Amino acid sequence: MHSSDKIRKTVSAYFSTLSAMDVEAWLGLFASDGTGHDPGIPVLVGHDQLRSYFNGLLTHFSAFSAAHEEIFLCDSGAAVRWSVRATTKSGRAVEFAGIEVFEMNGGGQIQRARAYWDPAGLGAQLQG
């Protein structure tokens, strides 16, 4: 059984470690075989693929502030409404929002994270 407090703490840490751009702390929240899925890319499986994805973010952004706005708990997981404000390495400010669904494993780590957001909208901001 997963405690609501543990799930909330893990979800909160997911967003705070993204904002801190701390890849190792972020990875530590995932099971070693945990998965991540963003729209438009293949499912990321395991720490190596998740690390590559996170490091890709670091190549594009100089600042990244991700905030969870609402957390909806259910059994061993949560659905989260979130927003991001970021600054590209070239100084362009962007904002986007979405929903992420998390499933935790028996040890309280993220087994699966699946995000729903609009990459085309972000792309338009980056091009605009």
N, C-alpha and C. Protein backbone atom coordinates (compact mmCIF):
# COMPACT_ATOMS: atom_id res chain seq x y z
N MET A 1 0.84 -1.19 0.00
CA MET A 1 0.00 0.00 0.00
C MET A 1 0.88 1.24 0.00
N HIS A 2 0.51 2.19 -0.79
CA HIS A 2 1.25 3.45 -0.90
C HIS A 2 0.55 4.51 -0.07
N SER A 3 1.30 5.24 0.69
CA SER A 3 0.68 6.31 1.47
C SER A 3 0.52 7.54 0.60
N SER A 4 -0.54 8.25 0.85
CA SER A 4 -0.80 9.50 0.12
C SER A 4 0.35 10.48 0.31
N ASP A 5 0.88 10.54 1.53
CA ASP A 5 1.98 11.46 1.81
C ASP A 5 3.22 11.11 1.00
N LYS A 6 3.53 9.83 0.88
CA LYS A 6 4.71 9.39 0.12
C LYS A 6 4.54 9.73 -1.37
N ILE A 7 3.37 9.49 -1.90
CA ILE A 7 3.13 9.80 -3.32
C ILE A 7 3.25 11.30 -3.55
N ARG A 8 2.63 12.09 -2.68
CA ARG A 8 2.71 13.55 -2.82
C ARG A 8 4.16 14.03 -2.72
N LYS A 9 4.92 13.45 -1.80
CA LYS A 9 6.32 13.85 -1.62
C LYS A 9 7.14 13.51 -2.87
N THR A 10 6.92 12.34 -3.44
CA THR A 10 7.65 11.93 -4.64
C THR A 10 7.29 12.82 -5.83
N VAL A 11 6.00 13.09 -6.00
CA VAL A 11 5.56 13.95 -7.10
C VAL A 11 6.15 15.36 -6.94
N SER A 12 6.10 15.88 -5.74
CA SER A 12 6.67 17.20 -5.48
C SER A 12 8.16 17.22 -5.79
N ALA A 13 8.87 16.18 -5.39
CA ALA A 13 10.30 16.09 -5.65
C ALA A 13 10.58 15.98 -7.15
N TYR A 14 9.72 15.31 -7.88
CA TYR A 14 9.88 15.20 -9.33
C TYR A 14 9.95 16.60 -9.95
N PHE A 15 9.03 17.47 -9.56
CA PHE A 15 8.99 18.82 -10.13
C PHE A 15 10.09 19.71 -9.57
N SER A 16 10.42 19.56 -8.30
CA SER A 16 11.49 20.41 -7.74
C SER A 16 12.85 20.03 -8.30
N THR A 17 13.09 18.75 -8.56
CA THR A 17 14.38 18.36 -9.14
C THR A 17 14.48 18.76 -10.61
N LEU A 18 13.34 18.76 -11.33
CA LEU A 18 13.33 19.31 -12.69
C LEU A 18 13.72 20.78 -12.64
N SER A 19 13.08 21.51 -11.75
CA SER A 19 13.34 22.95 -11.64
C SER A 19 14.78 23.24 -11.26
N ALA A 20 15.35 22.41 -10.42
CA ALA A 20 16.75 22.58 -10.00
C ALA A 20 17.72 22.09 -11.08
N MET A 21 17.16 21.44 -12.11
CA MET A 21 17.95 20.86 -13.19
C MET A 21 18.98 19.88 -12.64
N ASP A 22 18.52 19.09 -11.67
CA ASP A 22 19.36 18.13 -10.95
C ASP A 22 19.04 16.72 -11.45
N VAL A 23 19.77 16.29 -12.47
CA VAL A 23 19.47 15.03 -13.12
C VAL A 23 19.59 13.84 -12.17
N GLU A 24 20.60 13.81 -11.31
CA GLU A 24 20.79 12.65 -10.44
C GLU A 24 19.68 12.53 -9.39
N ALA A 25 19.27 13.65 -8.82
CA ALA A 25 18.17 13.61 -7.86
C ALA A 25 16.87 13.20 -8.55
N TRP A 26 16.65 13.70 -9.76
CA TRP A 26 15.46 13.34 -10.53
C TRP A 26 15.44 11.86 -10.84
N LEU A 27 16.57 11.33 -11.31
CA LEU A 27 16.67 9.89 -11.61
C LEU A 27 16.44 9.03 -10.38
N GLY A 28 16.90 9.52 -9.22
CA GLY A 28 16.73 8.77 -7.99
C GLY A 28 15.28 8.55 -7.59
N LEU A 29 14.37 9.29 -8.18
CA LEU A 29 12.95 9.11 -7.91
C LEU A 29 12.35 7.95 -8.70
N PHE A 30 13.05 7.52 -9.76
CA PHE A 30 12.57 6.46 -10.64
C PHE A 30 13.12 5.10 -10.24
N ALA A 31 12.31 4.08 -10.43
CA ALA A 31 12.80 2.70 -10.34
C ALA A 31 13.86 2.53 -11.43
N SER A 32 14.79 1.60 -11.25
CA SER A 32 15.86 1.42 -12.24
C SER A 32 15.30 1.06 -13.61
N ASP A 33 14.15 0.42 -13.66
CA ASP A 33 13.51 0.09 -14.93
C ASP A 33 12.27 0.97 -15.18
N GLY A 34 12.22 2.10 -14.49
CA GLY A 34 11.09 3.02 -14.65
C GLY A 34 11.03 3.58 -16.06
N THR A 35 9.83 4.04 -16.43
CA THR A 35 9.63 4.58 -17.77
C THR A 35 9.10 6.01 -17.72
N GLY A 36 9.42 6.74 -18.76
CA GLY A 36 8.91 8.08 -18.94
C GLY A 36 8.42 8.23 -20.37
N HIS A 37 7.32 8.96 -20.55
CA HIS A 37 6.79 9.13 -21.90
C HIS A 37 6.26 10.53 -22.08
N ASP A 38 6.84 11.23 -23.02
CA ASP A 38 6.38 12.55 -23.44
C ASP A 38 5.79 12.39 -24.84
N PRO A 39 4.88 13.27 -25.23
CA PRO A 39 4.30 13.17 -26.57
C PRO A 39 5.37 13.28 -27.65
N GLY A 40 5.21 12.47 -28.68
CA GLY A 40 6.07 12.59 -29.85
C GLY A 40 7.42 11.90 -29.77
N ILE A 41 7.71 11.25 -28.65
CA ILE A 41 8.98 10.52 -28.55
C ILE A 41 8.70 9.10 -28.08
N PRO A 42 9.61 8.17 -28.38
CA PRO A 42 9.42 6.81 -27.88
C PRO A 42 9.49 6.77 -26.34
N VAL A 43 8.89 5.76 -25.77
CA VAL A 43 8.94 5.57 -24.32
C VAL A 43 10.40 5.42 -23.90
N LEU A 44 10.75 6.14 -22.85
CA LEU A 44 12.10 6.07 -22.28
C LEU A 44 12.09 5.00 -21.20
N VAL A 45 13.01 4.05 -21.28
CA VAL A 45 13.03 2.94 -20.34
C VAL A 45 14.38 2.91 -19.62
N GLY A 46 14.32 3.01 -18.29
CA GLY A 46 15.52 2.89 -17.48
C GLY A 46 16.28 4.19 -17.33
N HIS A 47 17.19 4.18 -16.38
CA HIS A 47 17.92 5.39 -16.02
C HIS A 47 18.77 5.96 -17.15
N ASP A 48 19.37 5.12 -17.98
CA ASP A 48 20.22 5.65 -19.06
C ASP A 48 19.40 6.48 -20.05
N GLN A 49 18.25 5.97 -20.47
CA GLN A 49 17.42 6.72 -21.42
C GLN A 49 16.80 7.95 -20.77
N LEU A 50 16.38 7.82 -19.53
CA LEU A 50 15.83 8.98 -18.81
C LEU A 50 16.90 10.06 -18.64
N ARG A 51 18.12 9.67 -18.32
CA ARG A 51 19.23 10.62 -18.17
C ARG A 51 19.49 11.36 -19.49
N SER A 52 19.51 10.63 -20.59
CA SER A 52 19.73 11.26 -21.90
C SER A 52 18.65 12.29 -22.20
N TYR A 53 17.41 11.97 -21.88
CA TYR A 53 16.31 12.90 -22.09
C TYR A 53 16.51 14.17 -21.26
N PHE A 54 16.79 13.98 -19.99
CA PHE A 54 16.99 15.13 -19.08
C PHE A 54 18.17 15.98 -19.55
N ASN A 55 19.27 15.34 -19.92
CA ASN A 55 20.43 16.09 -20.40
C ASN A 55 20.11 16.86 -21.68
N GLY A 56 19.19 16.33 -22.49
CA GLY A 56 18.73 17.05 -23.67
C GLY A 56 18.04 18.35 -23.29
N LEU A 57 17.25 18.31 -22.22
CA LEU A 57 16.63 19.55 -21.73
C LEU A 57 17.69 20.57 -21.35
N LEU A 58 18.73 20.10 -20.69
CA LEU A 58 19.79 20.99 -20.23
C LEU A 58 20.52 21.68 -21.39
N THR A 59 20.54 21.04 -22.56
CA THR A 59 21.21 21.66 -23.70
C THR A 59 20.39 22.80 -24.29
N HIS A 60 19.08 22.81 -24.03
CA HIS A 60 18.19 23.82 -24.62
C HIS A 60 17.81 24.95 -23.67
N PHE A 61 17.81 24.67 -22.36
CA PHE A 61 17.28 25.65 -21.41
C PHE A 61 18.34 26.06 -20.39
N SER A 62 18.35 27.36 -20.09
CA SER A 62 19.24 27.85 -19.04
C SER A 62 18.50 27.95 -17.70
N ALA A 63 17.19 28.01 -17.76
CA ALA A 63 16.36 28.01 -16.55
C ALA A 63 15.09 27.24 -16.86
N PHE A 64 14.60 26.50 -15.86
CA PHE A 64 13.44 25.63 -16.06
C PHE A 64 12.69 25.54 -14.74
N SER A 65 11.51 26.12 -14.68
CA SER A 65 10.72 26.11 -13.46
C SER A 65 9.44 25.33 -13.69
N ALA A 66 9.37 24.14 -13.11
CA ALA A 66 8.21 23.27 -13.25
C ALA A 66 7.46 23.24 -11.92
N ALA A 67 6.16 23.50 -11.97
CA ALA A 67 5.36 23.54 -10.75
C ALA A 67 4.14 22.65 -10.88
N HIS A 68 3.88 21.85 -9.86
CA HIS A 68 2.64 21.08 -9.85
C HIS A 68 1.56 21.97 -9.25
N GLU A 69 0.42 22.00 -9.92
CA GLU A 69 -0.67 22.87 -9.49
C GLU A 69 -1.75 22.10 -8.73
N GLU A 70 -2.00 20.88 -9.16
CA GLU A 70 -2.96 20.03 -8.46
C GLU A 70 -2.47 18.59 -8.55
N ILE A 71 -2.66 17.85 -7.48
CA ILE A 71 -2.31 16.43 -7.45
C ILE A 71 -3.58 15.66 -7.11
N PHE A 72 -3.93 14.72 -7.97
CA PHE A 72 -5.10 13.88 -7.76
C PHE A 72 -4.60 12.46 -7.52
N LEU A 73 -4.81 11.94 -6.34
CA LEU A 73 -4.30 10.62 -5.95
C LEU A 73 -5.30 9.52 -6.28
N CYS A 74 -4.76 8.36 -6.62
CA CYS A 74 -5.58 7.17 -6.82
C CYS A 74 -4.70 5.94 -6.65
N ASP A 75 -5.02 5.13 -5.66
CA ASP A 75 -4.29 3.89 -5.40
C ASP A 75 -2.78 4.13 -5.34
N SER A 76 -2.02 3.56 -6.28
CA SER A 76 -0.56 3.66 -6.24
C SER A 76 -0.03 4.76 -7.15
N GLY A 77 -0.84 5.73 -7.47
CA GLY A 77 -0.37 6.76 -8.37
C GLY A 77 -1.07 8.08 -8.20
N ALA A 78 -0.82 8.95 -9.17
CA ALA A 78 -1.40 10.28 -9.14
C ALA A 78 -1.44 10.86 -10.55
N ALA A 79 -2.42 11.72 -10.76
CA ALA A 79 -2.47 12.55 -11.96
C ALA A 79 -2.20 13.98 -11.49
N VAL A 80 -1.38 14.69 -12.23
CA VAL A 80 -0.92 16.01 -11.78
C VAL A 80 -1.09 17.03 -12.90
N ARG A 81 -1.70 18.15 -12.55
CA ARG A 81 -1.74 19.29 -13.48
C ARG A 81 -0.54 20.15 -13.16
N TRP A 82 0.24 20.51 -14.20
CA TRP A 82 1.48 21.24 -13.98
C TRP A 82 1.65 22.36 -15.00
N SER A 83 2.60 23.23 -14.70
CA SER A 83 2.98 24.29 -15.65
C SER A 83 4.49 24.48 -15.59
N VAL A 84 5.03 24.95 -16.70
CA VAL A 84 6.46 25.21 -16.81
C VAL A 84 6.68 26.61 -17.35
N ARG A 85 7.63 27.28 -16.76
CA ARG A 85 8.18 28.53 -17.29
C ARG A 85 9.66 28.27 -17.45
N ALA A 86 10.16 28.56 -18.64
CA ALA A 86 11.56 28.26 -18.90
C ALA A 86 12.18 29.37 -19.74
N THR A 87 13.50 29.39 -19.73
CA THR A 87 14.27 30.32 -20.55
C THR A 87 15.25 29.50 -21.37
N THR A 88 15.24 29.74 -22.67
CA THR A 88 16.15 29.01 -23.54
C THR A 88 17.56 29.58 -23.38
N LYS A 89 18.52 28.84 -23.88
CA LYS A 89 19.91 29.30 -23.81
C LYS A 89 20.09 30.61 -24.58
N SER A 90 19.20 30.86 -25.55
CA SER A 90 19.28 32.12 -26.31
C SER A 90 18.52 33.26 -25.64
N GLY A 91 17.89 32.97 -24.48
CA GLY A 91 17.20 34.02 -23.72
C GLY A 91 15.71 34.15 -23.97
N ARG A 92 15.13 33.29 -24.79
CA ARG A 92 13.70 33.34 -25.07
C ARG A 92 12.91 32.70 -23.91
N ALA A 93 11.90 33.40 -23.43
CA ALA A 93 11.03 32.88 -22.37
C ALA A 93 9.89 32.08 -23.00
N VAL A 94 9.61 30.91 -22.45
CA VAL A 94 8.51 30.07 -22.92
C VAL A 94 7.69 29.59 -21.73
N GLU A 95 6.43 29.27 -22.00
CA GLU A 95 5.53 28.70 -20.99
C GLU A 95 4.71 27.60 -21.64
N PHE A 96 4.50 26.53 -20.90
CA PHE A 96 3.60 25.49 -21.36
C PHE A 96 3.07 24.73 -20.15
N ALA A 97 2.01 23.98 -20.37
CA ALA A 97 1.35 23.28 -19.26
C ALA A 97 0.87 21.92 -19.73
N GLY A 98 0.58 21.07 -18.76
CA GLY A 98 0.08 19.75 -19.11
C GLY A 98 -0.38 18.97 -17.90
N ILE A 99 -0.54 17.70 -18.15
CA ILE A 99 -0.94 16.75 -17.11
C ILE A 99 0.03 15.59 -17.18
N GLU A 100 0.40 15.07 -16.02
CA GLU A 100 1.28 13.89 -15.97
C GLU A 100 0.64 12.86 -15.06
N VAL A 101 0.70 11.62 -15.49
CA VAL A 101 0.15 10.50 -14.71
C VAL A 101 1.32 9.66 -14.24
N PHE A 102 1.37 9.44 -12.93
CA PHE A 102 2.45 8.68 -12.30
C PHE A 102 1.91 7.38 -11.71
N GLU A 103 2.67 6.32 -11.84
CA GLU A 103 2.41 5.06 -11.14
C GLU A 103 3.67 4.72 -10.34
N MET A 104 3.49 4.42 -9.07
CA MET A 104 4.62 4.11 -8.20
C MET A 104 4.75 2.59 -8.04
N ASN A 105 5.97 2.14 -7.80
CA ASN A 105 6.17 0.71 -7.52
C ASN A 105 6.03 0.45 -6.02
N GLY A 106 6.22 -0.78 -5.61
CA GLY A 106 6.08 -1.15 -4.21
C GLY A 106 7.05 -0.45 -3.28
N GLY A 107 8.18 0.01 -3.81
CA GLY A 107 9.18 0.72 -3.01
C GLY A 107 8.96 2.23 -2.97
N GLY A 108 7.88 2.70 -3.62
CA GLY A 108 7.57 4.12 -3.60
C GLY A 108 8.28 4.94 -4.67
N GLN A 109 8.97 4.26 -5.60
CA GLN A 109 9.63 4.98 -6.68
C GLN A 109 8.70 5.06 -7.88
N ILE A 110 9.00 5.99 -8.78
CA ILE A 110 8.20 6.14 -9.99
C ILE A 110 8.49 4.96 -10.92
N GLN A 111 7.45 4.21 -11.23
CA GLN A 111 7.58 3.12 -12.18
C GLN A 111 7.24 3.61 -13.58
N ARG A 112 6.27 4.54 -13.64
CA ARG A 112 5.83 5.05 -14.94
C ARG A 112 5.40 6.50 -14.79
N ALA A 113 5.88 7.33 -15.68
CA ALA A 113 5.44 8.72 -15.76
C ALA A 113 5.05 8.99 -17.21
N ARG A 114 3.82 9.40 -17.41
CA ARG A 114 3.34 9.69 -18.77
C ARG A 114 2.77 11.09 -18.80
N ALA A 115 3.38 11.94 -19.66
CA ALA A 115 2.99 13.34 -19.73
C ALA A 115 2.10 13.59 -20.94
N TYR A 116 1.15 14.50 -20.75
CA TYR A 116 0.26 14.95 -21.82
C TYR A 116 0.39 16.46 -21.91
N TRP A 117 0.93 16.94 -23.03
CA TRP A 117 1.07 18.37 -23.27
C TRP A 117 1.24 18.58 -24.77
N ASP A 118 1.29 19.83 -25.21
CA ASP A 118 1.30 20.17 -26.62
C ASP A 118 2.69 20.60 -27.11
N PRO A 119 3.48 19.67 -27.66
CA PRO A 119 4.81 20.03 -28.15
C PRO A 119 4.77 21.07 -29.28
N ALA A 120 3.71 21.04 -30.10
CA ALA A 120 3.62 22.00 -31.20
C ALA A 120 3.49 23.43 -30.66
N GLY A 121 2.74 23.59 -29.57
CA GLY A 121 2.62 24.92 -28.95
C GLY A 121 3.95 25.42 -28.42
N LEU A 122 4.73 24.54 -27.81
CA LEU A 122 6.06 24.92 -27.35
C LEU A 122 6.95 25.23 -28.55
N GLY A 123 6.88 24.42 -29.58
CA GLY A 123 7.67 24.66 -30.78
C GLY A 123 7.37 26.02 -31.39
N ALA A 124 6.11 26.42 -31.41
CA ALA A 124 5.73 27.73 -31.95
C ALA A 124 6.35 28.86 -31.13
N GLN A 125 6.37 28.68 -29.82
CA GLN A 125 7.01 29.70 -28.96
C GLN A 125 8.51 29.77 -29.23
N LEU A 126 9.12 28.64 -29.44
CA LEU A 126 10.56 28.60 -29.68
C LEU A 126 10.92 29.22 -31.04
N GLN A 127 10.02 29.08 -32.00
CA GLN A 127 10.25 29.64 -33.34
C GLN A 127 9.85 31.11 -33.43
N GLY A 128 8.83 31.50 -32.62
CA GLY A 128 8.24 32.83 -32.71
C GLY A 128 9.15 33.88 -32.33
